[in-house]
Amino acid sequence: MDFTIIESYLEDQPAEKTLLINFGDIDPENVILGRWVMETRCLENISILPPPLHMQMS
């Protein structure tokens, strides 16, 4: 499947447009959120996941 990365975020800050976002050192029991916005033309067999519970849709 071909896709294009439109945007990447590390926490709420824009990051480099790559799947290999540098998360740096993550302390035990800590959480860091990485998020990607992608586009593809293929719509067969794709599962769309709901946004995380802490995000609000407007």
N, C-alpha and C. Protein backbone atom coordinates (compact mmCIF):
# COMPACT_ATOMS: atom_id res chain seq x y z
N MET A 1 0.84 -1.16 0.00
CA MET A 1 0.00 0.00 0.00
C MET A 1 0.89 1.24 0.00
N ASP A 2 0.58 2.17 -0.85
CA ASP A 2 1.31 3.44 -0.89
C ASP A 2 0.57 4.47 -0.05
N PHE A 3 1.33 5.25 0.68
CA PHE A 3 0.74 6.34 1.44
C PHE A 3 1.71 7.49 1.50
N THR A 4 1.16 8.65 1.77
CA THR A 4 1.95 9.87 1.92
C THR A 4 1.74 10.40 3.33
N ILE A 5 2.82 10.71 4.02
CA ILE A 5 2.71 11.31 5.35
C ILE A 5 2.47 12.80 5.15
N ILE A 6 1.35 13.26 5.62
CA ILE A 6 0.98 14.68 5.50
C ILE A 6 1.56 15.49 6.65
N GLU A 7 1.43 14.95 7.88
CA GLU A 7 1.95 15.63 9.07
C GLU A 7 2.38 14.58 10.08
N SER A 8 3.35 14.92 10.91
CA SER A 8 3.77 14.09 12.04
C SER A 8 3.87 14.98 13.27
N TYR A 9 3.56 14.39 14.42
CA TYR A 9 3.63 15.15 15.67
C TYR A 9 4.28 14.30 16.75
N LEU A 10 5.07 14.94 17.58
CA LEU A 10 5.61 14.34 18.80
C LEU A 10 4.99 15.14 19.93
N GLU A 11 4.13 14.47 20.71
CA GLU A 11 3.23 15.16 21.64
C GLU A 11 2.40 16.12 20.80
N ASP A 12 2.35 17.40 21.08
CA ASP A 12 1.56 18.35 20.29
C ASP A 12 2.42 19.20 19.37
N GLN A 13 3.70 18.87 19.24
CA GLN A 13 4.61 19.66 18.42
C GLN A 13 4.84 19.01 17.07
N PRO A 14 4.86 19.79 15.99
CA PRO A 14 5.16 19.21 14.67
C PRO A 14 6.52 18.52 14.68
N ALA A 15 6.60 17.40 13.97
CA ALA A 15 7.84 16.63 13.87
C ALA A 15 8.14 16.40 12.39
N GLU A 16 9.32 15.83 12.14
CA GLU A 16 9.72 15.50 10.78
C GLU A 16 8.71 14.53 10.17
N LYS A 17 8.40 14.70 8.88
CA LYS A 17 7.42 13.85 8.19
C LYS A 17 8.03 12.49 7.86
N THR A 18 8.13 11.64 8.90
CA THR A 18 8.68 10.30 8.76
C THR A 18 8.04 9.39 9.79
N LEU A 19 8.01 8.09 9.51
CA LEU A 19 7.53 7.14 10.51
C LEU A 19 8.55 6.93 11.62
N LEU A 20 9.77 7.40 11.40
CA LEU A 20 10.86 7.21 12.36
C LEU A 20 11.05 8.45 13.24
N ILE A 21 9.98 8.92 13.86
CA ILE A 21 10.07 10.07 14.76
C ILE A 21 11.03 9.72 15.90
N ASN A 22 11.91 10.65 16.24
CA ASN A 22 12.85 10.44 17.34
C ASN A 22 12.13 10.76 18.66
N PHE A 23 11.82 9.71 19.42
CA PHE A 23 11.14 9.88 20.70
C PHE A 23 12.12 10.18 21.82
N GLY A 24 13.41 10.12 21.55
CA GLY A 24 14.40 10.39 22.59
C GLY A 24 14.37 9.33 23.67
N ASP A 25 14.88 9.67 24.85
CA ASP A 25 14.86 8.75 25.98
C ASP A 25 13.51 8.85 26.69
N ILE A 26 12.88 7.71 26.89
CA ILE A 26 11.60 7.67 27.58
C ILE A 26 11.80 6.97 28.91
N ASP A 27 11.54 7.69 30.00
CA ASP A 27 11.69 7.13 31.34
C ASP A 27 10.66 6.03 31.56
N PRO A 28 11.01 5.04 32.39
CA PRO A 28 10.04 3.99 32.73
C PRO A 28 8.75 4.61 33.28
N GLU A 29 7.65 4.01 32.95
CA GLU A 29 6.33 4.46 33.40
C GLU A 29 5.94 5.83 32.86
N ASN A 30 6.62 6.31 31.82
CA ASN A 30 6.29 7.58 31.18
C ASN A 30 5.68 7.28 29.81
N VAL A 31 4.93 8.20 29.28
CA VAL A 31 4.28 8.03 27.98
C VAL A 31 4.61 9.23 27.11
N ILE A 32 4.96 8.98 25.85
CA ILE A 32 5.16 10.04 24.87
C ILE A 32 4.31 9.67 23.66
N LEU A 33 3.53 10.61 23.16
CA LEU A 33 2.60 10.36 22.08
C LEU A 33 3.20 10.77 20.74
N GLY A 34 3.20 9.84 19.79
CA GLY A 34 3.55 10.14 18.41
C GLY A 34 2.30 9.99 17.57
N ARG A 35 2.12 10.87 16.59
CA ARG A 35 0.89 10.86 15.81
C ARG A 35 1.22 11.20 14.36
N TRP A 36 0.54 10.55 13.43
CA TRP A 36 0.79 10.77 12.01
C TRP A 36 -0.53 11.02 11.30
N VAL A 37 -0.51 11.91 10.33
CA VAL A 37 -1.64 12.12 9.43
C VAL A 37 -1.16 11.63 8.07
N MET A 38 -1.87 10.63 7.52
CA MET A 38 -1.45 10.01 6.27
C MET A 38 -2.57 10.02 5.26
N GLU A 39 -2.19 9.91 4.00
CA GLU A 39 -3.16 9.89 2.91
C GLU A 39 -2.83 8.71 1.99
N THR A 40 -3.87 8.02 1.53
CA THR A 40 -3.68 6.94 0.58
C THR A 40 -4.87 6.90 -0.37
N ARG A 41 -4.67 6.30 -1.52
CA ARG A 41 -5.77 6.15 -2.48
C ARG A 41 -6.44 4.79 -2.32
N CYS A 42 -5.82 3.86 -1.64
CA CYS A 42 -6.35 2.51 -1.46
C CYS A 42 -7.31 2.51 -0.28
N LEU A 43 -8.56 2.11 -0.51
CA LEU A 43 -9.55 2.10 0.56
C LEU A 43 -10.00 0.69 0.94
N GLU A 44 -9.46 -0.33 0.31
CA GLU A 44 -9.86 -1.69 0.63
C GLU A 44 -9.09 -2.20 1.84
N ASN A 45 -9.78 -2.88 2.73
CA ASN A 45 -9.17 -3.55 3.89
C ASN A 45 -8.39 -2.62 4.81
N ILE A 46 -8.88 -1.42 5.02
CA ILE A 46 -8.24 -0.48 5.94
C ILE A 46 -9.12 -0.35 7.18
N SER A 47 -8.51 -0.49 8.34
CA SER A 47 -9.23 -0.29 9.60
C SER A 47 -8.98 1.14 10.06
N ILE A 48 -10.03 1.88 10.28
CA ILE A 48 -9.91 3.25 10.77
C ILE A 48 -10.07 3.20 12.29
N LEU A 49 -9.04 3.61 13.00
CA LEU A 49 -9.07 3.60 14.46
C LEU A 49 -9.66 4.91 14.97
N PRO A 50 -10.44 4.86 16.03
CA PRO A 50 -10.96 6.09 16.60
C PRO A 50 -9.83 6.88 17.25
N PRO A 51 -10.02 8.19 17.41
CA PRO A 51 -8.98 8.99 18.09
C PRO A 51 -8.85 8.55 19.54
N PRO A 52 -7.68 8.80 20.14
CA PRO A 52 -7.51 8.47 21.56
C PRO A 52 -8.60 9.13 22.40
N LEU A 53 -8.92 8.53 23.53
CA LEU A 53 -10.00 9.02 24.36
C LEU A 53 -9.79 10.46 24.84
N HIS A 54 -8.54 10.88 25.03
CA HIS A 54 -8.31 12.22 25.55
C HIS A 54 -8.46 13.30 24.49
N MET A 55 -8.62 12.92 23.22
CA MET A 55 -8.82 13.92 22.16
C MET A 55 -10.30 14.20 22.00
N GLN A 56 -10.66 15.43 21.73
CA GLN A 56 -12.05 15.78 21.50
C GLN A 56 -12.23 16.16 20.05
N MET A 57 -13.26 15.63 19.44
CA MET A 57 -13.58 15.96 18.06
C MET A 57 -14.49 17.19 18.07
N SER A 58 -14.25 18.12 17.13
CA SER A 58 -15.13 19.29 17.09
C SER A 58 -16.08 19.20 15.93
